[in-house]
Amino acid sequence: MRSKESEKRKGPAQSSCLMRRREFFSNCGRCALLAAGCFYSGLKSSSAQNLALLDLSSLPARKEVRLRLLFALHRPVQDRPDWPNLGFDFRPVIEKYVSLLEKRLPEFSYLVSMASGPEEAAGILEADREKQIDGYVVFQLNCWNRVVQPAVETGKPVLYVDFQYGGSGGFLVYTAGLVRQSKKNFGFICSSDPEHLVAAVRAFKTFRTEGEDVTFSDLVGRIRQNLTPPPGYLKCYPDELNLIDPEETVYRMKHSPILLFRDQNGGESMEVAGIPVINLPFSELNSAWEKADREEARTVARNWWKQAALVQNVRFSELINSAAMYLGMKKLLQKYQARAVTINCLGGFYGGHIQAYPCLGFYELNNLGLVGACEADLRSTATMVAFGLMTGGRPGYISDPVLDISSRRIIYAHCVAPGRVFGPEGTVNPIEILTHSEDRQGASVRSLMPAGYLTTSLEIDQSKKAILVHQAKAVGNSFDDRACRTKLVAEPLGDFEKLFTCWDEWGWHRVTFYGDLKKAAYELASVLGYSVVEEA
């Protein structure tokens, strides 16, 4: 069934309390207006009905523990393309968190603030010097707002919380960095189960009594590990791979150029992991789109329309536009005898340098055994080229992973995904065509990938001379509307806790292939003179 009607988000139940909160949030403007302390919560009501502006001249009587709840985000209503998406209203999310903690931990008192970055956070922390704050709960609502770092530097206990499909990138990168620094006052939790947040916040109370015998980091770590379920059934369906040897792979890599479209200037050619990179300007890509045969593009668009199980909020004219971009990219690959193309997609589109999203074009190229890669990410593109060659054309899937301890899952999320995960001759899995998630424009794909198979996620890093690897069993797909369209859900093999440790040094992207490529990664690394880092 196809619909072009806009999706409608249901709001929470209306009450006089919630209306007062919304009036407050709607009038707050920049988050800095909340930096002086914002509002106090937790007087009596388990339903958070006492949320009001804080009179900074006095503080309520202390309860057992006084916490600052600090929400890291751009603005209360999102004003830019980013996770979760443009226009996302965080105010009900904040209300829900505050109400949950008031109800489940009424012996705590809470001061609530928002901050968009370290400067606003610093103002809040400075004002807290006189408030006898026992600790901080930092909620990462958007990805890259550096709020947790100044909170940790206070030396007080800090619990760091991931808002799934909202702040997950910053959460993973910042958590790994703080863990690497061995910050003893830093604990973290990432779970879709609200009760897990309650259990972690309760650690502040435990720490008041046991703080001489245990660090806050260790205390929260024990809670997190106890909440994480044991591994499930990890046996996978048979999936035979016919791999070419690593020496031949390296030879082919040297003859499989990547077309890089990073900006309007282009630049000198280079190499990454031995793969030639041809650095071209946006203008050449846009020219190829302009010259693409629109009747041929219409045929491609019609095939996508027929193939999709759902087309939602995307006009057929936009599919033609995307198909013209696909045909243009294909022509450029032929012109330069290249195997891969990677584009700074949003930078080019928002800057007016390109006129169509390449998401569906990437989808089609990957199905053909070629490489279409997001965000001008050369490291991930090289990974797709190398292991695509080794596997005879299996496509890699660039993603922004999310971790969820409640189900011991990793979710690989992106708006570009292949449909033939077993290679050009493999079966096509179902797809849906939707807008690009973060800005709700253009056309992208939700690929419903098969469950029950072993996957291998990799990154090749030339500067480190290393290949990063972990494996997971695909168990399903998530349809959550927040963040990217495709969300492959998998259960990692190995040490789940170790998965929190590499993101600061390796970045957020991973490239996932169907199949057991762990041994192949070691063999390729040996030929390249690289090491292998197992992140799980």
Protein backbone atom coordinates (compact mmCIF):
# COMPACT_ATOMS: atom_id res chain seq x y z
CA MET A 1 0.00 0.00 0.00
CA ARG A 2 1.41 3.37 -0.97
CA SER A 3 0.66 6.65 0.66
CA LYS A 4 1.92 10.15 0.09
CA GLU A 5 0.27 11.50 3.21
CA SER A 6 2.56 13.04 5.79
CA GLU A 7 3.21 10.99 8.88
CA LYS A 8 1.63 12.46 11.98
CA ARG A 9 3.25 12.28 15.38
CA LYS A 10 0.96 11.67 18.33
CA GLY A 11 1.59 13.93 21.28
CA PRO A 12 1.33 13.05 24.95
CA ALA A 13 -1.84 13.46 26.91
CA GLN A 14 -2.70 17.04 27.71
CA SER A 15 -2.91 18.14 31.30
CA SER A 16 -2.68 21.52 32.95
CA CYS A 17 0.78 20.59 34.18
CA LEU A 18 1.98 19.62 30.72
CA MET A 19 0.51 22.76 29.24
CA ARG A 20 2.44 24.88 31.72
CA ARG A 21 5.62 23.00 30.82
CA ARG A 22 5.01 23.51 27.13
CA GLU A 23 4.38 27.21 27.61
CA PHE A 24 7.67 27.39 29.46
CA PHE A 25 9.62 25.49 26.80
CA SER A 26 7.98 27.30 23.90
CA ASN A 27 9.10 30.64 25.30
CA CYS A 28 12.65 29.65 26.23
CA GLY A 29 14.34 30.40 22.87
CA ARG A 30 18.00 29.52 23.01
CA CYS A 31 18.94 26.93 25.58
CA ALA A 32 21.15 29.51 27.27
CA LEU A 33 18.02 31.01 28.85
CA LEU A 34 17.93 27.90 31.02
CA ALA A 35 21.58 28.00 31.95
CA ALA A 36 21.15 29.74 35.30
CA GLY A 37 19.39 26.79 36.87
CA CYS A 38 16.19 26.61 34.90
CA PHE A 39 13.61 24.92 37.01
CA TYR A 40 13.23 22.71 40.02
CA SER A 41 11.43 19.41 40.01
CA GLY A 42 10.53 16.76 42.53
CA LEU A 43 8.80 18.49 45.44
CA LYS A 44 5.97 16.03 46.09
CA SER A 45 4.28 14.71 43.01
CA SER A 46 5.21 11.45 41.33
CA SER A 47 3.70 12.81 38.11
CA ALA A 48 6.08 15.80 38.03
CA GLN A 49 3.30 18.33 38.62
CA ASN A 50 5.58 20.70 40.50
CA LEU A 51 7.84 21.57 37.56
CA ALA A 52 8.25 25.33 37.76
CA LEU A 53 10.80 28.09 37.32
CA LEU A 54 13.43 27.97 40.01
CA ASP A 55 13.73 30.92 42.39
CA LEU A 56 17.52 31.17 42.60
CA SER A 57 17.35 33.15 45.86
CA SER A 58 16.58 29.96 47.79
CA LEU A 59 16.58 26.23 47.30
CA PRO A 60 14.03 23.67 48.52
CA ALA A 61 14.90 21.59 51.53
CA ARG A 62 17.45 18.91 50.66
CA LYS A 63 16.28 15.39 50.12
CA GLU A 64 18.59 12.37 50.25
CA VAL A 65 20.26 13.20 46.93
CA ARG A 66 20.18 16.39 44.87
CA LEU A 67 20.91 15.92 41.16
CA ARG A 68 21.21 18.20 38.19
CA LEU A 69 19.51 16.73 35.12
CA LEU A 70 21.36 18.26 32.20
CA PHE A 71 19.93 17.81 28.68
CA ALA A 72 22.40 18.24 25.81
CA LEU A 73 20.65 19.39 22.62
CA HIS A 74 20.64 22.10 19.95
CA ARG A 75 17.24 23.60 20.76
CA PRO A 76 14.02 22.34 22.40
CA VAL A 77 12.48 22.01 18.92
CA GLN A 78 15.20 20.91 16.51
CA ASP A 79 16.07 23.60 13.99
CA ARG A 80 18.52 21.71 11.72
CA PRO A 81 19.01 18.37 9.95
CA ASP A 82 20.50 16.00 12.49
CA TRP A 83 19.44 12.99 14.49
CA PRO A 84 16.59 12.45 15.39
CA ASN A 85 15.27 14.73 12.59
CA LEU A 86 14.50 18.32 11.67
CA GLY A 87 11.55 19.65 13.68
CA PHE A 88 11.78 17.01 16.42
CA ASP A 89 10.18 18.27 19.64
CA PHE A 90 12.34 17.35 22.64
CA ARG A 91 10.03 18.91 25.21
CA PRO A 92 7.85 15.80 25.70
CA VAL A 93 11.03 13.72 25.90
CA ILE A 94 12.38 15.86 28.73
CA GLU A 95 9.00 15.81 30.47
CA LYS A 96 8.95 12.03 30.27
CA TYR A 97 12.43 11.64 31.76
CA VAL A 98 11.72 14.06 34.61
CA SER A 99 8.34 12.51 35.41
CA LEU A 100 9.82 9.01 35.42
CA LEU A 101 12.54 9.91 37.90
CA GLU A 102 10.18 11.84 40.15
CA LYS A 103 7.80 8.93 40.27
CA ARG A 104 10.33 6.15 40.73
CA LEU A 105 12.86 8.01 42.91
CA PRO A 106 10.84 10.50 44.98
CA GLU A 107 13.57 10.65 47.62
CA PHE A 108 15.75 12.53 45.11
CA SER A 109 15.43 16.22 44.25
CA TYR A 110 16.19 17.41 40.73
CA LEU A 111 17.37 20.62 39.13
CA VAL A 112 16.73 20.58 35.38
CA SER A 113 18.60 22.44 32.63
CA MET A 114 19.36 22.34 28.94
CA ALA A 115 22.65 23.23 27.26
CA SER A 116 23.74 23.25 23.63
CA GLY A 117 27.48 23.12 24.29
CA PRO A 118 30.34 23.55 26.77
CA GLU A 119 29.88 27.30 27.24
CA GLU A 120 26.26 26.98 28.34
CA ALA A 121 27.14 23.94 30.42
CA ALA A 122 29.91 25.90 32.14
CA GLY A 123 27.44 28.58 33.18
CA ILE A 124 25.16 25.99 34.76
CA LEU A 125 28.05 24.25 36.53
CA GLU A 126 29.37 27.54 37.88
CA ALA A 127 25.95 28.41 39.31
CA ASP A 128 25.79 24.95 40.90
CA ARG A 129 28.78 25.63 43.15
CA GLU A 130 26.45 27.08 45.79
CA LYS A 131 23.69 24.50 45.43
CA GLN A 132 25.26 21.43 47.05
CA ILE A 133 24.71 19.29 43.96
CA ASP A 134 25.52 15.62 44.58
CA GLY A 135 25.92 14.69 40.94
CA TYR A 136 24.90 15.12 37.33
CA VAL A 137 22.77 13.12 34.91
CA VAL A 138 23.65 14.21 31.37
CA PHE A 139 21.19 13.16 28.66
CA GLN A 140 22.70 13.20 25.15
CA LEU A 141 19.65 14.20 23.08
CA ASN A 142 21.53 15.40 19.96
CA CYS A 143 24.80 13.83 18.86
CA TRP A 144 27.62 16.33 19.13
CA ASN A 145 26.80 18.74 21.95
CA ARG A 146 29.83 18.61 24.26
CA VAL A 147 28.08 18.91 27.61
CA VAL A 148 29.15 15.78 29.45
CA GLN A 149 32.86 16.70 29.41
CA PRO A 150 32.61 19.83 31.59
CA ALA A 151 30.26 17.98 33.93
CA VAL A 152 32.85 15.22 34.40
CA GLU A 153 35.55 17.82 35.07
CA THR A 154 33.68 18.99 38.18
CA GLY A 155 34.79 15.78 39.86
CA LYS A 156 31.25 15.01 40.99
CA PRO A 157 29.61 11.73 39.93
CA VAL A 158 28.21 11.92 36.39
CA LEU A 159 25.77 9.49 34.80
CA TYR A 160 25.75 9.75 31.00
CA VAL A 161 22.53 8.69 29.24
CA ASP A 162 21.97 7.97 25.54
CA PHE A 163 18.71 9.11 23.97
CA GLN A 164 18.50 6.31 21.43
CA TYR A 165 18.43 7.47 17.77
CA GLY A 166 18.99 11.01 18.96
CA GLY A 167 22.34 11.41 20.68
CA SER A 168 23.83 7.99 20.05
CA GLY A 169 26.82 9.11 17.96
CA GLY A 170 28.11 11.60 20.50
CA PHE A 171 27.25 9.20 23.29
CA LEU A 172 29.42 6.41 21.85
CA VAL A 173 32.34 8.65 20.84
CA TYR A 174 32.38 10.66 24.07
CA THR A 175 31.88 7.58 26.26
CA ALA A 176 34.83 5.80 24.66
CA GLY A 177 37.02 8.86 25.21
CA LEU A 178 36.07 9.22 28.86
CA VAL A 179 36.50 5.50 29.47
CA ARG A 180 39.94 5.72 27.86
CA GLN A 181 40.79 8.52 30.29
CA SER A 182 39.74 6.27 33.19
CA LYS A 183 37.43 8.89 34.67
CA LYS A 184 36.38 7.30 37.96
CA ASN A 185 33.43 9.65 38.45
CA PHE A 186 31.91 8.76 35.06
CA GLY A 187 29.22 6.14 34.50
CA PHE A 188 27.06 5.52 31.46
CA ILE A 189 23.87 3.77 30.38
CA CYS A 190 22.25 3.19 26.98
CA SER A 191 19.00 1.30 27.15
CA SER A 192 15.53 1.46 25.65
CA ASP A 193 14.11 0.21 28.98
CA PRO A 194 13.21 3.19 31.22
CA GLU A 195 13.68 1.08 34.34
CA HIS A 196 17.34 0.74 33.48
CA LEU A 197 17.70 4.51 33.73
CA VAL A 198 16.06 4.39 37.15
CA ALA A 199 18.44 1.67 38.31
CA ALA A 200 21.45 3.66 37.12
CA VAL A 201 20.27 6.91 38.76
CA ARG A 202 19.73 5.02 42.00
CA ALA A 203 23.50 4.50 42.01
CA PHE A 204 23.93 8.08 43.22
CA LYS A 205 22.25 7.10 46.48
CA THR A 206 24.33 3.95 46.80
CA PHE A 207 27.47 5.95 46.11
CA ARG A 208 26.71 8.28 49.04
CA THR A 209 26.99 5.33 51.39
CA GLU A 210 29.60 3.18 49.62
CA GLY A 211 31.71 5.84 47.94
CA GLU A 212 34.79 5.08 50.00
CA ASP A 213 34.78 1.46 48.85
CA VAL A 214 33.88 1.76 45.16
CA THR A 215 34.22 4.31 42.36
CA PHE A 216 31.08 5.68 40.73
CA SER A 217 32.32 4.32 37.42
CA ASP A 218 32.63 0.79 38.81
CA LEU A 219 29.29 1.02 40.58
CA VAL A 220 27.39 2.03 37.42
CA GLY A 221 29.41 -0.49 35.42
CA ARG A 222 28.24 -3.34 37.65
CA ILE A 223 24.64 -2.15 37.34
CA ARG A 224 24.91 -1.88 33.54
CA GLN A 225 26.45 -5.33 33.17
CA ASN A 226 23.85 -6.89 35.47
CA LEU A 227 21.09 -5.33 33.37
CA THR A 228 22.57 -6.59 30.10
CA PRO A 229 21.09 -10.02 29.28
CA PRO A 230 23.37 -12.95 28.46
CA PRO A 231 23.97 -13.87 24.82
CA GLY A 232 21.01 -15.40 23.03
CA TYR A 233 20.92 -18.12 20.39
CA LEU A 234 23.81 -17.14 18.13
CA LYS A 235 23.89 -19.99 15.65
CA CYS A 236 23.45 -18.60 12.13
CA TYR A 237 22.12 -19.86 8.82
CA PRO A 238 24.70 -21.32 6.43
CA ASP A 239 26.19 -18.67 4.15
CA GLU A 240 28.94 -19.92 1.87
CA LEU A 241 31.47 -17.37 0.72
CA ASN A 242 33.74 -17.80 -2.29
CA LEU A 243 36.59 -15.46 -1.45
CA ILE A 244 39.46 -14.48 -3.69
CA ASP A 245 42.86 -14.61 -2.00
CA PRO A 246 44.17 -11.49 -0.26
CA GLU A 247 47.08 -10.95 -2.67
CA GLU A 248 44.67 -10.83 -5.60
CA THR A 249 42.39 -8.54 -3.59
CA VAL A 250 45.22 -6.08 -2.99
CA TYR A 251 46.13 -6.15 -6.69
CA ARG A 252 42.52 -5.38 -7.67
CA MET A 253 42.30 -2.64 -5.05
CA LYS A 254 45.13 -0.83 -6.85
CA HIS A 255 43.04 -0.89 -10.04
CA SER A 256 39.66 0.08 -8.51
CA PRO A 257 39.62 3.87 -8.19
CA ILE A 258 37.29 5.82 -5.93
CA LEU A 259 35.65 9.03 -7.17
CA LEU A 260 35.56 11.54 -4.33
CA PHE A 261 33.18 14.53 -4.40
CA ARG A 262 33.97 16.42 -1.22
CA ASP A 263 33.51 20.07 -2.23
CA GLN A 264 33.16 22.48 -5.16
CA ASN A 265 36.92 22.66 -5.71
CA GLY A 266 38.11 19.08 -6.12
CA GLY A 267 41.81 18.59 -5.56
CA GLU A 268 44.83 16.40 -5.95
CA SER A 269 44.44 12.66 -6.34
CA MET A 270 45.60 10.42 -3.51
CA GLU A 271 45.53 6.85 -2.28
CA VAL A 272 43.77 5.19 0.65
CA ALA A 273 44.86 1.67 1.60
CA GLY A 274 46.45 1.39 -1.83
CA ILE A 275 43.23 2.36 -3.67
CA PRO A 276 43.51 5.37 -6.03
CA VAL A 277 41.26 8.30 -5.16
CA ILE A 278 40.26 10.80 -7.86
CA ASN A 279 39.19 14.06 -6.19
CA LEU A 280 36.59 15.84 -8.35
CA PRO A 281 34.47 19.00 -7.87
CA PHE A 282 30.73 19.00 -7.30
CA SER A 283 30.30 20.72 -10.66
CA GLU A 284 31.32 17.58 -12.55
CA LEU A 285 28.81 15.49 -10.63
CA ASN A 286 26.06 18.04 -11.17
CA SER A 287 26.86 18.21 -14.87
CA ALA A 288 26.52 14.43 -15.12
CA TRP A 289 23.13 14.67 -13.43
CA GLU A 290 22.04 17.41 -15.85
CA LYS A 291 23.06 15.37 -18.91
CA ALA A 292 21.37 12.15 -17.79
CA ASP A 293 18.61 10.94 -20.14
CA ARG A 294 15.33 11.77 -18.39
CA GLU A 295 13.39 9.05 -20.20
CA GLU A 296 15.90 6.47 -19.03
CA ALA A 297 15.67 8.02 -15.57
CA ARG A 298 11.89 7.66 -15.70
CA THR A 299 12.28 3.94 -16.44
CA VAL A 300 14.65 3.49 -13.49
CA ALA A 301 12.29 5.45 -11.24
CA ARG A 302 9.34 3.33 -12.35
CA ASN A 303 11.26 0.16 -11.47
CA TRP A 304 12.02 1.51 -7.99
CA TRP A 305 8.38 2.48 -7.54
CA LYS A 306 7.23 -1.01 -8.50
CA GLN A 307 9.84 -2.74 -6.37
CA ALA A 308 9.10 -0.80 -3.19
CA ALA A 309 6.64 -2.25 -0.70
CA LEU A 310 5.88 1.34 0.37
CA VAL A 311 6.50 4.79 -1.09
CA GLN A 312 5.75 7.48 1.47
CA ASN A 313 6.06 11.26 1.22
CA VAL A 314 8.15 10.97 -1.97
CA ARG A 315 6.79 12.19 -5.31
CA PHE A 316 7.47 10.26 -8.48
CA SER A 317 9.25 13.35 -9.84
CA GLU A 318 11.73 13.06 -6.97
CA LEU A 319 12.40 9.46 -7.94
CA ILE A 320 13.15 10.61 -11.49
CA ASN A 321 15.52 13.21 -10.03
CA SER A 322 17.27 10.50 -7.98
CA ALA A 323 17.41 8.20 -10.99
CA ALA A 324 19.11 10.93 -13.03
CA MET A 325 21.72 11.23 -10.29
CA TYR A 326 22.21 7.45 -10.43
CA LEU A 327 22.69 7.52 -14.20
CA GLY A 328 25.09 10.45 -13.88
CA MET A 329 27.19 8.65 -11.26
CA LYS A 330 27.24 5.50 -13.40
CA LYS A 331 28.52 7.50 -16.40
CA LEU A 332 31.30 9.01 -14.30
CA LEU A 333 32.35 5.58 -13.03
CA GLN A 334 32.60 4.45 -16.65
CA LYS A 335 34.49 7.60 -17.69
CA TYR A 336 37.17 7.20 -15.01
CA GLN A 337 37.13 3.37 -14.99
CA ALA A 338 36.34 3.59 -11.27
CA ARG A 339 34.64 1.14 -8.96
CA ALA A 340 33.35 3.47 -6.25
CA VAL A 341 31.90 6.91 -5.72
CA THR A 342 31.56 8.74 -2.41
CA ILE A 343 29.93 12.15 -2.00
CA ASN A 344 29.63 14.82 0.67
CA CYS A 345 25.93 14.52 -0.05
CA LEU A 346 24.31 17.00 2.32
CA GLY A 347 27.10 19.54 2.00
CA GLY A 348 26.67 19.49 -1.76
CA PHE A 349 22.88 19.61 -1.65
CA TYR A 350 22.53 22.30 1.02
CA GLY A 351 25.23 24.38 -0.67
CA GLY A 352 23.31 24.27 -3.95
CA HIS A 353 26.15 22.45 -5.72
CA ILE A 354 24.14 19.31 -6.50
CA GLN A 355 20.42 19.07 -7.15
CA ALA A 356 19.51 15.54 -6.16
CA TYR A 357 20.11 13.14 -3.30
CA PRO A 358 22.32 10.17 -4.31
CA CYS A 359 20.79 7.70 -1.78
CA LEU A 360 18.80 5.59 -4.24
CA GLY A 361 21.62 5.79 -6.77
CA PHE A 362 24.00 4.39 -4.15
CA TYR A 363 21.46 1.65 -3.45
CA GLU A 364 21.43 0.69 -7.13
CA LEU A 365 25.21 0.81 -7.53
CA ASN A 366 25.72 -1.39 -4.48
CA ASN A 367 23.23 -3.92 -5.85
CA LEU A 368 25.32 -4.11 -9.04
CA GLY A 369 28.51 -4.97 -7.16
CA LEU A 370 29.88 -1.42 -7.43
CA VAL A 371 30.23 0.98 -4.50
CA GLY A 372 28.13 4.02 -3.60
CA ALA A 373 29.26 5.41 -0.25
CA CYS A 374 27.91 8.16 1.98
CA GLU A 375 29.39 11.37 3.35
CA ALA A 376 32.71 11.38 1.43
CA ASP A 377 33.94 8.88 4.01
CA LEU A 378 37.08 7.53 2.35
CA ARG A 379 37.90 5.05 5.09
CA SER A 380 34.50 3.38 4.85
CA THR A 381 34.56 3.57 1.04
CA ALA A 382 37.94 1.81 0.97
CA THR A 383 36.51 -0.85 3.27
CA MET A 384 33.56 -1.36 0.91
CA VAL A 385 35.91 -1.61 -2.08
CA ALA A 386 38.34 -4.05 -0.47
CA PHE A 387 35.89 -6.54 0.97
CA GLY A 388 33.48 -6.13 -1.94
CA LEU A 389 36.30 -7.25 -4.23
CA MET A 390 37.25 -10.11 -1.93
CA THR A 391 33.67 -11.43 -1.76
CA GLY A 392 32.87 -11.14 -5.47
CA GLY A 393 30.68 -8.08 -5.15
CA ARG A 394 28.90 -8.33 -1.81
CA PRO A 395 27.93 -4.81 -0.77
CA GLY A 396 29.08 -3.17 2.41
CA TYR A 397 26.55 -1.19 4.42
CA ILE A 398 27.85 2.05 5.97
CA SER A 399 25.99 2.76 9.19
CA ASP A 400 25.85 4.84 12.35
CA PRO A 401 25.57 2.14 15.03
CA VAL A 402 23.51 2.35 18.21
CA LEU A 403 23.96 0.13 21.27
CA ASP A 404 21.10 -1.02 23.50
CA ILE A 405 21.91 -3.01 26.64
CA SER A 406 18.26 -3.91 27.29
CA SER A 407 18.35 -6.51 24.52
CA ARG A 408 22.14 -6.80 24.09
CA ARG A 409 21.74 -5.43 20.57
CA ILE A 410 23.63 -3.26 18.12
CA ILE A 411 21.52 -1.39 15.56
CA TYR A 412 23.19 -0.37 12.31
CA ALA A 413 21.35 2.75 11.06
CA HIS A 414 21.64 4.73 7.81
CA CYS A 415 19.52 6.14 4.97
CA VAL A 416 21.46 4.23 2.30
CA ALA A 417 21.46 0.43 2.33
CA PRO A 418 21.83 -2.34 -0.24
CA GLY A 419 19.03 -4.63 -1.37
CA ARG A 420 21.20 -7.57 -2.49
CA VAL A 421 23.17 -8.31 0.67
CA PHE A 422 24.51 -11.60 -0.76
CA GLY A 423 25.86 -9.99 -3.93
CA PRO A 424 24.67 -9.08 -7.43
CA GLU A 425 23.34 -12.58 -8.07
CA GLY A 426 21.62 -12.86 -4.70
CA THR A 427 17.96 -12.35 -3.90
CA VAL A 428 16.56 -8.84 -3.43
CA ASN A 429 15.17 -8.10 0.00
CA PRO A 430 12.10 -5.84 0.44
CA ILE A 431 12.56 -2.08 0.47
CA GLU A 432 10.54 1.01 1.29
CA ILE A 433 11.18 4.42 -0.25
CA LEU A 434 10.98 7.32 2.18
CA THR A 435 12.48 10.78 2.54
CA HIS A 436 16.00 11.22 3.83
CA SER A 437 15.34 11.03 7.55
CA GLU A 438 17.29 13.88 9.11
CA ASP A 439 15.80 16.61 6.91
CA ARG A 440 12.69 14.82 5.55
CA GLN A 441 13.66 15.76 1.97
CA GLY A 442 14.66 13.88 -1.17
CA ALA A 443 14.34 10.10 -1.44
CA SER A 444 16.13 7.35 0.46
CA VAL A 445 15.62 3.69 1.16
CA ARG A 446 14.64 1.46 4.05
CA SER A 447 16.10 -1.94 3.25
CA LEU A 448 14.59 -4.81 5.23
CA MET A 449 17.59 -7.06 5.55
CA PRO A 450 17.34 -10.79 6.26
CA ALA A 451 17.66 -12.11 9.82
CA GLY A 452 19.47 -15.18 11.04
CA TYR A 453 22.78 -14.60 9.22
CA LEU A 454 26.25 -13.77 10.49
CA THR A 455 27.50 -10.26 9.69
CA THR A 456 31.00 -8.81 9.90
CA SER A 457 31.51 -5.09 10.52
CA LEU A 458 34.81 -3.53 9.52
CA GLU A 459 36.83 -0.36 9.03
CA ILE A 460 40.19 -0.09 7.24
CA ASP A 461 42.32 2.79 8.52
CA GLN A 462 45.40 3.67 6.51
CA SER A 463 46.79 6.07 9.13
CA LYS A 464 46.57 3.43 11.86
CA LYS A 465 47.62 0.63 9.51
CA ALA A 466 44.86 -1.42 11.08
CA ILE A 467 41.54 -3.10 10.35
CA LEU A 468 38.81 -2.88 12.96
CA VAL A 469 36.39 -5.82 13.15
CA HIS A 470 33.44 -7.16 15.09
CA GLN A 471 30.76 -9.71 14.24
CA ALA A 472 27.06 -9.99 15.00
CA LYS A 473 24.06 -12.12 14.13
CA ALA A 474 21.36 -10.21 12.24
CA VAL A 475 18.09 -10.61 14.14
CA GLY A 476 15.66 -8.17 12.50
CA ASN A 477 14.92 -4.59 11.49
CA SER A 478 13.71 -1.58 13.46
CA PHE A 479 11.01 0.76 12.12
CA ASP A 480 11.55 3.54 14.66
CA ASP A 481 10.87 6.87 12.94
CA ARG A 482 13.76 8.64 14.65
CA ALA A 483 17.11 8.89 12.86
CA CYS A 484 18.06 6.97 9.73
CA ARG A 485 15.61 4.91 7.70
CA THR A 486 17.32 1.50 7.56
CA LYS A 487 18.01 -0.02 10.97
CA LEU A 488 19.47 -3.51 10.91
CA VAL A 489 19.23 -5.03 14.40
CA ALA A 490 21.89 -7.55 15.39
CA GLU A 491 23.30 -9.32 18.42
CA PRO A 492 27.07 -8.98 18.73
CA LEU A 493 29.35 -11.95 19.22
CA GLY A 494 31.88 -11.62 22.00
CA ASP A 495 32.25 -9.07 24.79
CA PHE A 496 29.40 -6.55 24.61
CA GLU A 497 31.07 -4.21 27.11
CA LYS A 498 34.19 -4.01 24.95
CA LEU A 499 32.05 -2.50 22.19
CA PHE A 500 32.00 0.78 24.13
CA THR A 501 35.76 1.34 23.82
CA CYS A 502 36.83 2.17 20.22
CA TRP A 503 34.50 4.90 18.96
CA ASP A 504 36.69 7.85 19.96
CA GLU A 505 39.64 6.56 17.92
CA TRP A 506 37.71 5.01 15.02
CA GLY A 507 34.74 7.33 14.63
CA TRP A 508 31.07 6.43 14.41
CA HIS A 509 30.80 4.70 11.01
CA ARG A 510 31.08 0.96 10.53
CA VAL A 511 30.75 -1.04 7.29
CA THR A 512 28.72 -4.22 7.67
CA PHE A 513 28.87 -7.19 5.30
CA TYR A 514 26.82 -10.36 5.38
CA GLY A 515 29.16 -13.31 5.85
CA ASP A 516 32.06 -14.46 8.02
CA LEU A 517 34.93 -12.14 7.07
CA LYS A 518 36.93 -12.26 10.29
CA LYS A 519 39.62 -14.61 8.99
CA ALA A 520 39.64 -12.71 5.69
CA ALA A 521 40.29 -9.48 7.61
CA TYR A 522 43.35 -11.01 9.24
CA GLU A 523 44.62 -12.32 5.90
CA LEU A 524 44.12 -8.98 4.13
CA ALA A 525 45.76 -7.15 7.03
CA SER A 526 48.77 -9.44 6.78
CA VAL A 527 49.25 -8.67 3.08
CA LEU A 528 48.81 -4.92 3.67
CA GLY A 529 51.16 -4.95 6.65
CA TYR A 530 48.33 -3.90 8.96
CA SER A 531 47.19 -5.15 12.38
CA VAL A 532 43.65 -6.21 13.34
CA VAL A 533 41.70 -4.69 16.23
CA GLU A 534 38.79 -6.77 17.52
CA GLU A 535 36.38 -4.37 19.17
CA ALA A 536 34.20 -7.07 20.74
